[in-house]
Amino acid sequence: THAEFGSAPTAGTNYTLRSTGSQHVYSESLTAG
């Protein structure tokens, strides 16, 4: 995901955020694999 005005989301339920949080794009995948 990406936020129009730069908000920083956290991972959704059952997901792990893979992005560092400083690059404008936030990516995730399932924590369980």
PDB file of all heavy atoms in Angstrom:
ATOM      1  N   THR A   1       0.828  -1.197   0.000  1.00  0.00           N
ATOM      2  CA  THR A   1       0.000   0.000   0.000  1.00  0.00           C
ATOM      3  C   THR A   1       0.863   1.247   0.000  1.00  0.00           C
ATOM      4  O   THR A   1       2.066   1.192   0.283  1.00  0.00           O
ATOM      5  CB  THR A   1      -0.954   0.015   1.217  1.00  0.00           C
ATOM      6  OG1 THR A   1      -1.961   1.014   1.026  1.00  0.00           O
ATOM      7  CG2 THR A   1      -0.208   0.275   2.517  1.00  0.00           C
ATOM      8  N   HIS A   2       0.232   2.363  -0.315  1.00  0.00           N
ATOM      9  CA  HIS A   2       0.854   3.682  -0.206  1.00  0.00           C
ATOM     10  C   HIS A   2      -0.213   4.666   0.234  1.00  0.00           C
ATOM     11  O   HIS A   2      -1.365   4.594  -0.202  1.00  0.00           O
ATOM     12  CB  HIS A   2       1.442   4.149  -1.540  1.00  0.00           C
ATOM     13  CG  HIS A   2       1.825   5.605  -1.510  1.00  0.00           C
ATOM     14  ND1 HIS A   2       3.009   6.031  -0.969  1.00  0.00           N
ATOM     15  CD2 HIS A   2       1.159   6.724  -1.904  1.00  0.00           C
ATOM     16  CE1 HIS A   2       3.068   7.352  -1.044  1.00  0.00           C
ATOM     17  NE2 HIS A   2       1.958   7.796  -1.611  1.00  0.00           N
ATOM     18  N   ALA A   3       0.188   5.605   1.110  1.00  0.00           N
ATOM     19  CA  ALA A   3      -0.721   6.642   1.584  1.00  0.00           C
ATOM     20  C   ALA A   3      -0.480   7.942   0.827  1.00  0.00           C
ATOM     21  O   ALA A   3       0.667   8.365   0.650  1.00  0.00           O
ATOM     22  CB  ALA A   3      -0.540   6.868   3.073  1.00  0.00           C
ATOM     23  N   GLU A   4      -1.559   8.583   0.408  1.00  0.00           N
ATOM     24  CA  GLU A   4      -1.463   9.793  -0.405  1.00  0.00           C
ATOM     25  C   GLU A   4      -0.656  10.894   0.283  1.00  0.00           C
ATOM     26  O   GLU A   4       0.142  11.590  -0.349  1.00  0.00           O
ATOM     27  CB  GLU A   4      -2.871  10.306  -0.736  1.00  0.00           C
ATOM     28  CG  GLU A   4      -2.881  11.524  -1.625  1.00  0.00           C
ATOM     29  CD  GLU A   4      -4.291  11.927  -2.025  1.00  0.00           C
ATOM     30  OE1 GLU A   4      -5.260  11.342  -1.506  1.00  0.00           O
ATOM     31  OE2 GLU A   4      -4.419  12.840  -2.867  1.00  0.00           O
ATOM     32  N   PHE A   5      -0.831  11.041   1.597  1.00  0.00           N
ATOM     33  CA  PHE A   5      -0.132  12.101   2.315  1.00  0.00           C
ATOM     34  C   PHE A   5       0.926  11.557   3.271  1.00  0.00           C
ATOM     35  O   PHE A   5       1.308  12.218   4.240  1.00  0.00           O
ATOM     36  CB  PHE A   5      -1.137  12.992   3.052  1.00  0.00           C
ATOM     37  CG  PHE A   5      -1.912  13.871   2.110  1.00  0.00           C
ATOM     38  CD1 PHE A   5      -3.149  13.463   1.617  1.00  0.00           C
ATOM     39  CD2 PHE A   5      -1.391  15.074   1.673  1.00  0.00           C
ATOM     40  CE1 PHE A   5      -3.858  14.265   0.736  1.00  0.00           C
ATOM     41  CE2 PHE A   5      -2.088  15.878   0.789  1.00  0.00           C
ATOM     42  CZ  PHE A   5      -3.321  15.480   0.313  1.00  0.00           C
ATOM     43  N   GLY A   6       1.411  10.359   2.981  1.00  0.00           N
ATOM     44  CA  GLY A   6       2.584   9.862   3.674  1.00  0.00           C
ATOM     45  C   GLY A   6       2.360   9.206   5.016  1.00  0.00           C
ATOM     46  O   GLY A   6       3.319   9.008   5.778  1.00  0.00           O
ATOM     47  N   SER A   7       1.128   8.849   5.346  1.00  0.00           N
ATOM     48  CA  SER A   7       0.889   8.142   6.606  1.00  0.00           C
ATOM     49  C   SER A   7       1.612   6.800   6.614  1.00  0.00           C
ATOM     50  O   SER A   7       1.807   6.183   5.576  1.00  0.00           O
ATOM     51  CB  SER A   7      -0.613   7.923   6.813  1.00  0.00           C
ATOM     52  OG  SER A   7      -1.297   9.153   6.872  1.00  0.00           O
ATOM     53  N   ALA A   8       1.988   6.353   7.804  1.00  0.00           N
ATOM     54  CA  ALA A   8       2.749   5.109   7.947  1.00  0.00           C
ATOM     55  C   ALA A   8       1.886   4.042   8.611  1.00  0.00           C
ATOM     56  O   ALA A   8       1.685   4.067   9.826  1.00  0.00           O
ATOM     57  CB  ALA A   8       4.009   5.359   8.761  1.00  0.00           C
ATOM     58  N   PRO A   9       1.366   3.080   7.843  1.00  0.00           N
ATOM     59  CA  PRO A   9       0.544   2.028   8.446  1.00  0.00           C
ATOM     60  C   PRO A   9       1.407   0.955   9.096  1.00  0.00           C
ATOM     61  O   PRO A   9       2.616   0.867   8.846  1.00  0.00           O
ATOM     62  CB  PRO A   9      -0.199   1.447   7.244  1.00  0.00           C
ATOM     63  CG  PRO A   9       0.802   1.588   6.132  1.00  0.00           C
ATOM     64  CD  PRO A   9       1.504   2.899   6.391  1.00  0.00           C
ATOM     65  N   THR A  10       0.783   0.141   9.916  1.00  0.00           N
ATOM     66  CA  THR A  10       1.413  -1.067  10.436  1.00  0.00           C
ATOM     67  C   THR A  10       0.766  -2.273   9.762  1.00  0.00           C
ATOM     68  O   THR A  10      -0.245  -2.148   9.074  1.00  0.00           O
ATOM     69  CB  THR A  10       1.271  -1.174  11.958  1.00  0.00           C
ATOM     70  OG1 THR A  10      -0.126  -1.107  12.302  1.00  0.00           O
ATOM     71  CG2 THR A  10       1.998  -0.023  12.645  1.00  0.00           C
ATOM     72  N   ALA A  11       1.387  -3.437   9.945  1.00  0.00           N
ATOM     73  CA  ALA A  11       0.888  -4.644   9.289  1.00  0.00           C
ATOM     74  C   ALA A  11      -0.508  -4.997   9.780  1.00  0.00           C
ATOM     75  O   ALA A  11      -0.877  -4.739  10.930  1.00  0.00           O
ATOM     76  CB  ALA A  11       1.837  -5.807   9.542  1.00  0.00           C
ATOM     77  N   GLY A  12      -1.272  -5.612   8.883  1.00  0.00           N
ATOM     78  CA  GLY A  12      -2.593  -6.090   9.259  1.00  0.00           C
ATOM     79  C   GLY A  12      -2.519  -7.341  10.114  1.00  0.00           C
ATOM     80  O   GLY A  12      -1.450  -7.956  10.290  1.00  0.00           O
ATOM     81  N   THR A  13      -3.654  -7.748  10.653  1.00  0.00           N
ATOM     82  CA  THR A  13      -3.743  -8.948  11.479  1.00  0.00           C
ATOM     83  C   THR A  13      -3.261 -10.174  10.699  1.00  0.00           C
ATOM     84  O   THR A  13      -3.663 -10.385   9.555  1.00  0.00           O
ATOM     85  CB  THR A  13      -5.189  -9.163  11.940  1.00  0.00           C
ATOM     86  OG1 THR A  13      -5.622  -8.008  12.657  1.00  0.00           O
ATOM     87  CG2 THR A  13      -5.303 -10.390  12.835  1.00  0.00           C
ATOM     88  N   ASN A  14      -2.371 -10.938  11.306  1.00  0.00           N
ATOM     89  CA  ASN A  14      -1.772 -12.160  10.740  1.00  0.00           C
ATOM     90  C   ASN A  14      -0.708 -11.884   9.677  1.00  0.00           C
ATOM     91  O   ASN A  14      -0.245 -12.813   9.022  1.00  0.00           O
ATOM     92  CB  ASN A  14      -2.835 -13.100  10.160  1.00  0.00           C
ATOM     93  CG  ASN A  14      -3.812 -13.579  11.206  1.00  0.00           C
ATOM     94  OD1 ASN A  14      -3.432 -13.843  12.352  1.00  0.00           O
ATOM     95  ND2 ASN A  14      -5.076 -13.698  10.841  1.00  0.00           N
ATOM     96  N   TYR A  15      -0.320 -10.615   9.515  1.00  0.00           N
ATOM     97  CA  TYR A  15       0.705 -10.247   8.544  1.00  0.00           C
ATOM     98  C   TYR A  15       1.935  -9.674   9.238  1.00  0.00           C
ATOM     99  O   TYR A  15       1.851  -9.155  10.355  1.00  0.00           O
ATOM    100  CB  TYR A  15       0.172  -9.211   7.553  1.00  0.00           C
ATOM    101  CG  TYR A  15      -0.709  -9.788   6.476  1.00  0.00           C
ATOM    102  CD1 TYR A  15      -2.055 -10.034   6.707  1.00  0.00           C
ATOM    103  CD2 TYR A  15      -0.195 -10.092   5.214  1.00  0.00           C
ATOM    104  CE1 TYR A  15      -2.874 -10.558   5.714  1.00  0.00           C
ATOM    105  CE2 TYR A  15      -1.004 -10.618   4.221  1.00  0.00           C
ATOM    106  CZ  TYR A  15      -2.336 -10.845   4.477  1.00  0.00           C
ATOM    107  OH  TYR A  15      -3.147 -11.374   3.497  1.00  0.00           O
ATOM    108  N   THR A  16       3.077  -9.743   8.546  1.00  0.00           N
ATOM    109  CA  THR A  16       4.321  -9.111   8.980  1.00  0.00           C
ATOM    110  C   THR A  16       4.721  -8.064   7.952  1.00  0.00           C
ATOM    111  O   THR A  16       4.765  -8.363   6.754  1.00  0.00           O
ATOM    112  CB  THR A  16       5.448 -10.145   9.126  1.00  0.00           C
ATOM    113  OG1 THR A  16       5.116 -11.059  10.175  1.00  0.00           O
ATOM    114  CG2 THR A  16       6.780  -9.481   9.451  1.00  0.00           C
ATOM    115  N   LEU A  17       5.006  -6.842   8.439  1.00  0.00           N
ATOM    116  CA  LEU A  17       5.458  -5.788   7.543  1.00  0.00           C
ATOM    117  C   LEU A  17       6.888  -6.097   7.099  1.00  0.00           C
ATOM    118  O   LEU A  17       7.777  -6.314   7.921  1.00  0.00           O
ATOM    119  CB  LEU A  17       5.412  -4.445   8.256  1.00  0.00           C
ATOM    120  CG  LEU A  17       5.453  -3.189   7.386  1.00  0.00           C
ATOM    121  CD1 LEU A  17       4.175  -3.073   6.558  1.00  0.00           C
ATOM    122  CD2 LEU A  17       5.635  -1.949   8.257  1.00  0.00           C
ATOM    123  N   ARG A  18       7.105  -6.154   5.794  1.00  0.00           N
ATOM    124  CA  ARG A  18       8.433  -6.460   5.250  1.00  0.00           C
ATOM    125  C   ARG A  18       9.224  -5.209   4.913  1.00  0.00           C
ATOM    126  O   ARG A  18      10.448  -5.262   4.838  1.00  0.00           O
ATOM    127  CB  ARG A  18       8.301  -7.337   3.999  1.00  0.00           C
ATOM    128  CG  ARG A  18       7.530  -8.639   4.229  1.00  0.00           C
ATOM    129  CD  ARG A  18       8.155  -9.509   5.284  1.00  0.00           C
ATOM    130  NE  ARG A  18       7.473 -10.791   5.409  1.00  0.00           N
ATOM    131  CZ  ARG A  18       7.824 -11.750   6.275  1.00  0.00           C
ATOM    132  NH1 ARG A  18       8.844 -11.547   7.103  1.00  0.00           N
ATOM    133  NH2 ARG A  18       7.153 -12.887   6.320  1.00  0.00           N
ATOM    134  N   SER A  19       8.548  -4.090   4.687  1.00  0.00           N
ATOM    135  CA  SER A  19       9.218  -2.835   4.364  1.00  0.00           C
ATOM    136  C   SER A  19       9.741  -2.174   5.635  1.00  0.00           C
ATOM    137  O   SER A  19       9.227  -2.393   6.739  1.00  0.00           O
ATOM    138  CB  SER A  19       8.255  -1.891   3.650  1.00  0.00           C
ATOM    139  OG  SER A  19       7.798  -2.449   2.444  1.00  0.00           O
ATOM    140  N   THR A  20      10.757  -1.321   5.475  1.00  0.00           N
ATOM    141  CA  THR A  20      11.358  -0.651   6.625  1.00  0.00           C
ATOM    142  C   THR A  20      10.492   0.470   7.161  1.00  0.00           C
ATOM    143  O   THR A  20      10.676   0.920   8.281  1.00  0.00           O
ATOM    144  CB  THR A  20      12.727  -0.066   6.251  1.00  0.00           C
ATOM    145  OG1 THR A  20      12.545   0.932   5.241  1.00  0.00           O
ATOM    146  CG2 THR A  20      13.659  -1.142   5.725  1.00  0.00           C
ATOM    147  N   GLY A  21       9.563   0.956   6.354  1.00  0.00           N
ATOM    148  CA  GLY A  21       8.696   2.029   6.797  1.00  0.00           C
ATOM    149  C   GLY A  21       9.196   3.411   6.444  1.00  0.00           C
ATOM    150  O   GLY A  21       8.597   4.403   6.840  1.00  0.00           O
ATOM    151  N   SER A  22      10.284   3.497   5.682  1.00  0.00           N
ATOM    152  CA  SER A  22      10.826   4.811   5.338  1.00  0.00           C
ATOM    153  C   SER A  22      10.881   5.047   3.828  1.00  0.00           C
ATOM    154  O   SER A  22      11.492   6.003   3.380  1.00  0.00           O
ATOM    155  CB  SER A  22      12.245   4.947   5.904  1.00  0.00           C
ATOM    156  OG  SER A  22      13.093   3.955   5.347  1.00  0.00           O
ATOM    157  N   GLN A  23      10.245   4.170   3.052  1.00  0.00           N
ATOM    158  CA  GLN A  23      10.423   4.206   1.602  1.00  0.00           C
ATOM    159  C   GLN A  23       9.144   4.515   0.830  1.00  0.00           C
ATOM    160  O   GLN A  23       9.068   4.261  -0.361  1.00  0.00           O
ATOM    161  CB  GLN A  23      11.015   2.870   1.126  1.00  0.00           C
ATOM    162  CG  GLN A  23      12.276   2.445   1.851  1.00  0.00           C
ATOM    163  CD  GLN A  23      13.443   3.387   1.644  1.00  0.00           C
ATOM    164  OE1 GLN A  23      13.431   4.203   0.710  1.00  0.00           O
ATOM    165  NE2 GLN A  23      14.447   3.307   2.474  1.00  0.00           N
ATOM    166  N   HIS A  24       8.098   4.993   1.518  1.00  0.00           N
ATOM    167  CA  HIS A  24       6.842   5.405   0.887  1.00  0.00           C
ATOM    168  C   HIS A  24       5.942   4.230   0.493  1.00  0.00           C
ATOM    169  O   HIS A  24       4.734   4.399   0.402  1.00  0.00           O
ATOM    170  CB  HIS A  24       7.081   6.296  -0.338  1.00  0.00           C
ATOM    171  CG  HIS A  24       7.514   7.678   0.029  1.00  0.00           C
ATOM    172  ND1 HIS A  24       6.666   8.752  -0.009  1.00  0.00           N
ATOM    173  CD2 HIS A  24       8.706   8.167   0.433  1.00  0.00           C
ATOM    174  CE1 HIS A  24       7.312   9.840   0.357  1.00  0.00           C
ATOM    175  NE2 HIS A  24       8.554   9.513   0.638  1.00  0.00           N
ATOM    176  N   VAL A  25       6.504   3.067   0.205  1.00  0.00           N
ATOM    177  CA  VAL A  25       5.718   1.873  -0.090  1.00  0.00           C
ATOM    178  C   VAL A  25       5.820   0.916   1.095  1.00  0.00           C
ATOM    179  O   VAL A  25       6.914   0.660   1.596  1.00  0.00           O
ATOM    180  CB  VAL A  25       6.208   1.182  -1.374  1.00  0.00           C
ATOM    181  CG1 VAL A  25       5.585  -0.201  -1.518  1.00  0.00           C
ATOM    182  CG2 VAL A  25       5.887   2.027  -2.599  1.00  0.00           C
ATOM    183  N   TYR A  26       4.670   0.388   1.522  1.00  0.00           N
ATOM    184  CA  TYR A  26       4.634  -0.542   2.646  1.00  0.00           C
ATOM    185  C   TYR A  26       4.153  -1.895   2.133  1.00  0.00           C
ATOM    186  O   TYR A  26       3.054  -2.002   1.584  1.00  0.00           O
ATOM    187  CB  TYR A  26       3.700  -0.015   3.737  1.00  0.00           C
ATOM    188  CG  TYR A  26       4.213   1.266   4.350  1.00  0.00           C
ATOM    189  CD1 TYR A  26       3.969   2.488   3.733  1.00  0.00           C
ATOM    190  CD2 TYR A  26       4.973   1.245   5.510  1.00  0.00           C
ATOM    191  CE1 TYR A  26       4.469   3.673   4.267  1.00  0.00           C
ATOM    192  CE2 TYR A  26       5.474   2.419   6.057  1.00  0.00           C
ATOM    193  CZ  TYR A  26       5.220   3.629   5.431  1.00  0.00           C
ATOM    194  OH  TYR A  26       5.724   4.790   5.958  1.00  0.00           O
ATOM    195  N   SER A  27       4.979  -2.932   2.301  1.00  0.00           N
ATOM    196  CA  SER A  27       4.615  -4.261   1.815  1.00  0.00           C
ATOM    197  C   SER A  27       4.622  -5.247   2.965  1.00  0.00           C
ATOM    198  O   SER A  27       5.334  -5.077   3.957  1.00  0.00           O
ATOM    199  CB  SER A  27       5.575  -4.721   0.711  1.00  0.00           C
ATOM    200  OG  SER A  27       6.890  -4.869   1.222  1.00  0.00           O
ATOM    201  N   GLU A  28       3.828  -6.311   2.818  1.00  0.00           N
ATOM    202  CA  GLU A  28       3.699  -7.305   3.873  1.00  0.00           C
ATOM    203  C   GLU A  28       3.443  -8.675   3.268  1.00  0.00           C
ATOM    204  O   GLU A  28       3.105  -8.816   2.088  1.00  0.00           O
ATOM    205  CB  GLU A  28       2.537  -6.944   4.810  1.00  0.00           C
ATOM    206  CG  GLU A  28       1.159  -6.976   4.137  1.00  0.00           C
ATOM    207  CD  GLU A  28       0.009  -6.525   5.029  1.00  0.00           C
ATOM    208  OE1 GLU A  28       0.271  -6.037   6.145  1.00  0.00           O
ATOM    209  OE2 GLU A  28      -1.153  -6.674   4.600  1.00  0.00           O
ATOM    210  N   SER A  29       3.637  -9.702   4.087  1.00  0.00           N
ATOM    211  CA  SER A  29       3.229 -11.063   3.742  1.00  0.00           C
ATOM    212  C   SER A  29       2.800 -11.753   5.024  1.00  0.00           C
ATOM    213  O   SER A  29       3.044 -11.247   6.133  1.00  0.00           O
ATOM    214  CB  SER A  29       4.354 -11.835   3.036  1.00  0.00           C
ATOM    215  OG  SER A  29       5.480 -11.976   3.880  1.00  0.00           O
ATOM    216  N   LEU A  30       2.174 -12.895   4.896  1.00  0.00           N
ATOM    217  CA  LEU A  30       1.619 -13.583   6.054  1.00  0.00           C
ATOM    218  C   LEU A  30       2.711 -13.988   7.036  1.00  0.00           C
ATOM    219  O   LEU A  30       3.739 -14.541   6.661  1.00  0.00           O
ATOM    220  CB  LEU A  30       0.839 -14.812   5.614  1.00  0.00           C
ATOM    221  CG  LEU A  30      -0.516 -14.542   4.948  1.00  0.00           C
ATOM    222  CD1 LEU A  30      -1.042 -15.805   4.301  1.00  0.00           C
ATOM    223  CD2 LEU A  30      -1.521 -14.004   5.964  1.00  0.00           C
ATOM    224  N   THR A  31       2.469 -13.736   8.329  1.00  0.00           N
ATOM    225  CA  THR A  31       3.420 -14.099   9.372  1.00  0.00           C
ATOM    226  C   THR A  31       3.657 -15.595   9.397  1.00  0.00           C
ATOM    227  O   THR A  31       4.790 -16.066   9.616  1.00  0.00           O
ATOM    228  CB  THR A  31       2.905 -13.627  10.742  1.00  0.00           C
ATOM    229  OG1 THR A  31       2.694 -12.208  10.687  1.00  0.00           O
ATOM    230  CG2 THR A  31       3.883 -13.960  11.851  1.00  0.00           C
ATOM    231  N   ALA A  32       2.618 -16.376   9.146  1.00  0.00           N
ATOM    232  CA  ALA A  32       2.722 -17.835   9.192  1.00  0.00           C
ATOM    233  C   ALA A  32       3.460 -18.409   7.989  1.00  0.00           C
ATOM    234  O   ALA A  32       3.756 -19.606   7.957  1.00  0.00           O
ATOM    235  CB  ALA A  32       1.331 -18.457   9.276  1.00  0.00           C
ATOM    236  N   GLY A  33       3.738 -17.578   7.003  1.00  0.00           N
ATOM    237  CA  GLY A  33       4.448 -18.038   5.807  1.00  0.00           C
ATOM    238  C   GLY A  33       3.567 -17.977   4.583  1.00  0.00           C
ATOM    239  O   GLY A  33       3.746 -17.131   3.723  1.00  0.00           O
TER     240      GLY A  33
END
